[in-house]
């Protein structure tokens, strides 16, 4: 779908409204690092900490996406082994789940999911 994003998160609550979320968008080859996940209405988060562009992220092709957080820093947010955000200050009040998902109601596949303790 147009504007589709795959996302990973740490410290996420059940409603995806809090936590640290890293999303990669296929239609415009951009990414966001945010507090809380993307909204279903717009597909983008409200509280963006950092954002940028990346090389082509084609749908139907396997990609590697990762997010590591420790205390009040983003240790690394990467796509296909390339760091996109490193050492970004974030709030450290969030607690919750590791999560992965999308910014809409469509199929996406995640494979070889690994969750490790950082720090």
N, C-alpha and C. Protein backbone atom coordinates (compact mmCIF):
# COMPACT_ATOMS: atom_id res chain seq x y z
N UNK A 1 0.82 -1.20 0.00
CA UNK A 1 0.00 0.00 0.00
C UNK A 1 0.86 1.26 0.00
N UNK A 2 0.34 2.30 -0.58
CA UNK A 2 1.04 3.58 -0.62
C UNK A 2 1.23 4.10 0.80
N UNK A 3 2.45 4.54 1.12
CA UNK A 3 2.74 5.08 2.45
C UNK A 3 2.97 4.03 3.50
N UNK A 4 3.12 2.76 3.11
CA UNK A 4 3.28 1.67 4.07
C UNK A 4 4.61 1.77 4.80
N UNK A 5 4.59 1.41 6.08
CA UNK A 5 5.80 1.42 6.89
C UNK A 5 5.88 0.16 7.74
N UNK A 6 7.09 -0.34 7.91
CA UNK A 6 7.37 -1.39 8.87
C UNK A 6 8.06 -0.74 10.06
N UNK A 7 7.69 -1.15 11.26
CA UNK A 7 8.17 -0.48 12.47
C UNK A 7 8.64 -1.48 13.53
N UNK A 8 9.61 -1.04 14.33
CA UNK A 8 10.03 -1.77 15.53
C UNK A 8 10.04 -0.78 16.69
N UNK A 9 9.86 -1.30 17.90
CA UNK A 9 9.76 -0.40 19.05
C UNK A 9 10.33 -1.04 20.30
N UNK A 10 10.73 -0.18 21.22
CA UNK A 10 11.09 -0.60 22.57
C UNK A 10 10.26 0.21 23.55
N UNK A 11 10.03 -0.36 24.74
CA UNK A 11 9.30 0.34 25.80
C UNK A 11 7.89 0.75 25.38
N UNK A 12 7.28 -0.02 24.52
CA UNK A 12 5.98 0.33 23.96
C UNK A 12 4.83 -0.10 24.86
N UNK A 13 3.80 0.73 24.93
CA UNK A 13 2.59 0.31 25.62
C UNK A 13 1.69 -0.44 24.64
N UNK A 14 0.59 -1.00 25.14
CA UNK A 14 -0.27 -1.82 24.30
C UNK A 14 -0.96 -1.05 23.19
N UNK A 15 -1.16 0.23 23.37
CA UNK A 15 -1.86 1.03 22.37
C UNK A 15 -0.91 1.70 21.39
N UNK A 16 0.41 1.46 21.58
CA UNK A 16 1.41 2.00 20.66
C UNK A 16 1.46 3.52 20.75
N UNK A 17 0.91 4.11 21.84
CA UNK A 17 0.91 5.57 21.98
C UNK A 17 2.12 6.09 22.74
N UNK A 18 2.83 5.22 23.42
CA UNK A 18 4.08 5.59 24.10
C UNK A 18 5.14 4.55 23.75
N UNK A 19 6.37 4.87 24.02
CA UNK A 19 7.48 4.02 23.68
C UNK A 19 8.32 4.66 22.59
N UNK A 20 9.44 4.05 22.28
CA UNK A 20 10.35 4.56 21.26
C UNK A 20 10.16 3.71 20.01
N UNK A 21 9.78 4.34 18.89
CA UNK A 21 9.38 3.62 17.69
C UNK A 21 10.20 4.08 16.48
N UNK A 22 10.71 3.12 15.74
CA UNK A 22 11.49 3.37 14.53
C UNK A 22 10.73 2.77 13.35
N UNK A 23 10.32 3.61 12.39
CA UNK A 23 9.55 3.16 11.23
C UNK A 23 10.28 3.51 9.94
N UNK A 24 10.20 2.62 8.97
CA UNK A 24 10.77 2.83 7.64
C UNK A 24 9.63 2.77 6.63
N UNK A 25 9.51 3.83 5.80
CA UNK A 25 8.40 3.97 4.85
C UNK A 25 8.84 3.59 3.44
N UNK A 26 8.03 2.76 2.77
CA UNK A 26 8.39 2.26 1.45
C UNK A 26 8.11 3.25 0.32
N UNK A 27 7.08 4.06 0.43
CA UNK A 27 6.67 4.90 -0.70
C UNK A 27 7.61 6.08 -0.95
N UNK A 28 8.19 6.64 0.09
CA UNK A 28 9.04 7.81 -0.10
C UNK A 28 10.45 7.61 0.46
N UNK A 29 10.79 6.37 0.82
CA UNK A 29 12.13 6.04 1.32
C UNK A 29 12.57 6.95 2.46
N UNK A 30 11.70 7.11 3.43
CA UNK A 30 12.01 7.90 4.61
C UNK A 30 11.90 7.03 5.86
N UNK A 31 12.34 7.57 6.98
CA UNK A 31 12.23 6.89 8.26
C UNK A 31 11.91 7.92 9.34
N UNK A 32 11.28 7.44 10.41
CA UNK A 32 11.01 8.28 11.57
C UNK A 32 11.41 7.55 12.84
N UNK A 33 11.88 8.31 13.78
CA UNK A 33 12.15 7.85 15.13
C UNK A 33 11.25 8.69 16.01
N UNK A 34 10.36 8.06 16.76
CA UNK A 34 9.32 8.84 17.44
C UNK A 34 9.00 8.28 18.82
N UNK A 35 8.29 9.10 19.57
CA UNK A 35 7.68 8.66 20.81
C UNK A 35 6.25 8.28 20.44
N UNK A 36 5.94 7.02 20.56
CA UNK A 36 4.65 6.51 20.12
C UNK A 36 4.70 6.17 18.64
N UNK A 37 3.85 5.25 18.26
CA UNK A 37 3.83 4.77 16.88
C UNK A 37 3.04 5.66 15.95
N UNK A 38 3.01 5.29 14.68
CA UNK A 38 2.27 6.07 13.69
C UNK A 38 0.76 5.96 13.91
N UNK A 39 0.07 7.03 13.58
CA UNK A 39 -1.38 7.05 13.70
C UNK A 39 -2.01 6.30 12.54
N UNK A 40 -3.11 5.62 12.78
CA UNK A 40 -3.82 4.92 11.71
C UNK A 40 -4.40 5.91 10.70
N UNK A 41 -4.76 7.10 11.15
CA UNK A 41 -5.40 8.07 10.25
C UNK A 41 -4.43 8.66 9.23
N UNK A 42 -3.20 8.98 9.65
CA UNK A 42 -2.25 9.63 8.75
C UNK A 42 -1.10 8.71 8.34
N UNK A 43 -0.84 7.69 9.13
CA UNK A 43 0.29 6.81 8.86
C UNK A 43 1.61 7.31 9.42
N UNK A 44 1.59 8.49 10.05
CA UNK A 44 2.81 9.07 10.60
C UNK A 44 2.62 9.37 12.09
N UNK A 45 3.70 9.33 12.87
CA UNK A 45 3.60 9.62 14.30
C UNK A 45 3.47 11.12 14.55
N UNK A 46 2.94 11.46 15.71
CA UNK A 46 2.80 12.86 16.11
C UNK A 46 4.09 13.42 16.72
N UNK A 47 4.77 12.61 17.52
CA UNK A 47 5.92 13.11 18.29
C UNK A 47 7.23 12.56 17.70
N UNK A 48 7.66 13.16 16.60
CA UNK A 48 8.87 12.72 15.92
C UNK A 48 10.09 13.30 16.62
N UNK A 49 11.04 12.42 16.97
CA UNK A 49 12.30 12.81 17.60
C UNK A 49 13.34 13.13 16.52
N UNK A 50 13.37 12.29 15.49
CA UNK A 50 14.30 12.49 14.38
C UNK A 50 13.71 11.80 13.16
N UNK A 51 14.05 12.31 11.97
CA UNK A 51 13.59 11.69 10.73
C UNK A 51 14.61 11.93 9.64
N UNK A 52 14.50 11.14 8.57
CA UNK A 52 15.44 11.32 7.48
C UNK A 52 15.04 10.48 6.29
N UNK A 53 15.93 10.47 5.30
CA UNK A 53 15.68 9.66 4.11
C UNK A 53 16.72 8.55 4.03
N UNK A 54 16.43 7.56 3.22
CA UNK A 54 17.31 6.41 3.07
C UNK A 54 17.27 5.93 1.63
N UNK A 55 18.09 4.96 1.34
CA UNK A 55 18.07 4.38 0.00
C UNK A 55 16.76 3.62 -0.20
N UNK A 56 16.54 3.17 -1.39
CA UNK A 56 15.29 2.51 -1.77
C UNK A 56 14.91 1.38 -0.81
N UNK A 57 13.66 1.41 -0.39
CA UNK A 57 13.09 0.37 0.47
C UNK A 57 11.90 -0.21 -0.29
N UNK A 58 12.19 -1.13 -1.16
CA UNK A 58 11.15 -1.69 -2.02
C UNK A 58 10.30 -2.71 -1.27
N UNK A 59 8.98 -2.65 -1.44
CA UNK A 59 8.13 -3.70 -0.89
C UNK A 59 8.40 -5.02 -1.63
N UNK A 60 8.17 -6.12 -0.95
CA UNK A 60 8.38 -7.42 -1.56
C UNK A 60 9.82 -7.90 -1.52
N UNK A 61 10.68 -7.14 -0.87
CA UNK A 61 12.10 -7.48 -0.72
C UNK A 61 12.40 -7.52 0.78
N UNK A 62 13.17 -8.51 1.24
CA UNK A 62 13.53 -8.58 2.65
C UNK A 62 14.50 -7.47 3.02
N UNK A 63 14.22 -6.83 4.16
CA UNK A 63 15.09 -5.79 4.71
C UNK A 63 15.35 -6.11 6.17
N UNK A 64 16.42 -5.58 6.69
CA UNK A 64 16.76 -5.74 8.10
C UNK A 64 16.55 -4.40 8.80
N UNK A 65 15.75 -4.40 9.86
CA UNK A 65 15.48 -3.18 10.61
C UNK A 65 15.75 -3.47 12.08
N UNK A 66 16.47 -2.56 12.75
CA UNK A 66 16.76 -2.79 14.17
C UNK A 66 16.76 -1.49 14.95
N UNK A 67 16.48 -1.63 16.24
CA UNK A 67 16.45 -0.49 17.16
C UNK A 67 17.01 -0.95 18.49
N UNK A 68 18.00 -0.22 18.99
CA UNK A 68 18.58 -0.51 20.30
C UNK A 68 18.51 0.75 21.14
N UNK A 69 17.92 0.64 22.34
CA UNK A 69 17.85 1.78 23.26
C UNK A 69 18.45 1.38 24.60
N UNK A 70 19.16 2.32 25.20
CA UNK A 70 19.71 2.14 26.54
C UNK A 70 19.50 3.44 27.29
N UNK A 71 18.84 3.36 28.44
CA UNK A 71 18.57 4.52 29.28
C UNK A 71 17.95 5.65 28.47
N UNK A 72 18.63 6.80 28.40
CA UNK A 72 18.04 7.95 27.70
C UNK A 72 18.73 8.23 26.36
N UNK A 73 19.28 7.19 25.74
CA UNK A 73 19.92 7.35 24.43
C UNK A 73 19.43 6.29 23.46
N UNK A 74 19.29 6.67 22.20
CA UNK A 74 19.13 5.69 21.12
C UNK A 74 20.54 5.22 20.83
N UNK A 75 20.83 4.00 21.08
CA UNK A 75 22.15 3.49 20.79
C UNK A 75 22.28 3.28 19.29
N UNK A 76 21.25 2.74 18.64
CA UNK A 76 21.32 2.58 17.19
C UNK A 76 19.95 2.28 16.61
N UNK A 77 19.63 2.94 15.52
CA UNK A 77 18.48 2.62 14.69
C UNK A 77 19.05 2.39 13.30
N UNK A 78 18.87 1.18 12.76
CA UNK A 78 19.52 0.88 11.49
C UNK A 78 18.60 0.16 10.52
N UNK A 79 18.93 0.31 9.24
CA UNK A 79 18.22 -0.34 8.16
C UNK A 79 19.25 -1.03 7.27
N UNK A 80 19.07 -2.32 7.07
CA UNK A 80 19.97 -3.10 6.23
C UNK A 80 21.43 -2.93 6.63
N UNK A 81 21.67 -2.84 7.95
CA UNK A 81 23.03 -2.75 8.47
C UNK A 81 23.63 -1.36 8.45
N UNK A 82 22.90 -0.36 7.96
CA UNK A 82 23.40 1.01 7.92
C UNK A 82 22.74 1.83 9.02
N UNK A 83 23.54 2.41 9.89
CA UNK A 83 23.02 3.21 10.99
C UNK A 83 22.37 4.49 10.46
N UNK A 84 21.14 4.74 10.87
CA UNK A 84 20.43 5.95 10.47
C UNK A 84 20.32 6.94 11.61
N UNK A 85 20.33 6.46 12.84
CA UNK A 85 20.29 7.32 14.02
C UNK A 85 21.16 6.67 15.08
N UNK A 86 22.03 7.45 15.68
CA UNK A 86 22.95 6.91 16.68
C UNK A 86 23.22 7.97 17.73
N UNK A 87 23.07 7.63 18.99
CA UNK A 87 23.34 8.56 20.08
C UNK A 87 22.31 9.66 20.25
N UNK A 88 21.10 9.46 19.75
CA UNK A 88 20.04 10.45 19.86
C UNK A 88 19.47 10.43 21.27
N UNK A 89 19.30 11.58 21.89
CA UNK A 89 18.71 11.66 23.23
C UNK A 89 17.21 11.39 23.16
N UNK A 90 16.73 10.52 24.03
CA UNK A 90 15.31 10.22 24.14
C UNK A 90 14.91 10.27 25.60
N UNK A 91 13.63 10.30 25.85
CA UNK A 91 13.18 10.26 27.23
C UNK A 91 13.34 8.85 27.77
N UNK A 92 13.56 8.74 29.07
CA UNK A 92 13.74 7.39 29.65
C UNK A 92 12.64 7.04 30.64
N UNK A 93 11.48 7.64 30.48
CA UNK A 93 10.37 7.37 31.40
C UNK A 93 9.50 6.20 30.94
N UNK A 94 9.68 5.78 29.68
CA UNK A 94 8.82 4.73 29.13
C UNK A 94 9.25 3.35 29.62
N UNK A 95 8.27 2.52 29.88
CA UNK A 95 8.50 1.11 30.15
C UNK A 95 7.46 0.34 29.34
N UNK A 96 7.78 -0.87 28.98
CA UNK A 96 6.80 -1.63 28.22
C UNK A 96 7.42 -2.75 27.44
N UNK A 97 6.88 -2.97 26.26
CA UNK A 97 7.18 -4.14 25.46
C UNK A 97 8.12 -3.82 24.30
N UNK A 98 8.83 -4.85 23.84
CA UNK A 98 9.42 -4.80 22.51
C UNK A 98 8.27 -5.06 21.55
N UNK A 99 8.24 -4.36 20.41
CA UNK A 99 7.11 -4.51 19.50
C UNK A 99 7.56 -4.36 18.06
N UNK A 100 6.76 -4.92 17.16
CA UNK A 100 6.95 -4.68 15.73
C UNK A 100 5.58 -4.65 15.09
N UNK A 101 5.45 -3.87 14.04
CA UNK A 101 4.16 -3.73 13.40
C UNK A 101 4.22 -2.84 12.19
N UNK A 102 3.08 -2.24 11.84
CA UNK A 102 2.97 -1.40 10.66
C UNK A 102 2.21 -0.13 11.01
N UNK A 103 2.06 0.72 10.01
CA UNK A 103 1.30 1.95 10.21
C UNK A 103 -0.10 1.85 9.59
N UNK A 104 -0.57 0.65 9.35
CA UNK A 104 -1.90 0.47 8.78
C UNK A 104 -2.34 -0.98 8.87
N UNK A 105 -3.50 -1.26 8.29
CA UNK A 105 -4.06 -2.61 8.31
C UNK A 105 -3.74 -3.30 6.99
N UNK A 106 -2.55 -3.86 6.89
CA UNK A 106 -2.13 -4.60 5.70
C UNK A 106 -1.13 -5.65 6.13
N UNK A 107 -0.90 -6.60 5.25
CA UNK A 107 0.00 -7.70 5.58
C UNK A 107 1.46 -7.26 5.49
N UNK A 108 2.25 -7.73 6.44
CA UNK A 108 3.70 -7.53 6.41
C UNK A 108 4.30 -8.77 7.07
N UNK A 109 5.46 -9.16 6.63
CA UNK A 109 6.11 -10.33 7.20
C UNK A 109 7.38 -9.92 7.93
N UNK A 110 7.57 -10.49 9.13
CA UNK A 110 8.81 -10.32 9.89
C UNK A 110 9.41 -11.70 10.05
N UNK A 111 10.70 -11.82 9.82
CA UNK A 111 11.39 -13.11 9.90
C UNK A 111 12.66 -12.93 10.71
N UNK A 112 13.09 -14.01 11.35
CA UNK A 112 14.33 -13.99 12.13
C UNK A 112 14.30 -12.88 13.19
N UNK A 113 13.20 -12.76 13.92
CA UNK A 113 13.06 -11.76 14.98
C UNK A 113 13.98 -12.13 16.14
N UNK A 114 14.77 -11.16 16.59
CA UNK A 114 15.67 -11.35 17.72
C UNK A 114 15.46 -10.20 18.69
N UNK A 115 15.29 -10.54 19.97
CA UNK A 115 15.16 -9.52 21.01
C UNK A 115 16.23 -9.81 22.05
N UNK A 116 17.16 -8.87 22.22
CA UNK A 116 18.26 -9.01 23.16
C UNK A 116 18.23 -7.87 24.16
N UNK A 117 18.72 -8.13 25.37
CA UNK A 117 18.89 -7.08 26.35
C UNK A 117 20.10 -6.24 25.96
N UNK A 118 19.94 -4.93 26.01
CA UNK A 118 21.04 -4.01 25.68
C UNK A 118 21.49 -3.30 26.96
N UNK A 119 22.74 -2.92 26.97
CA UNK A 119 23.24 -2.12 28.09
C UNK A 119 23.84 -2.86 29.22
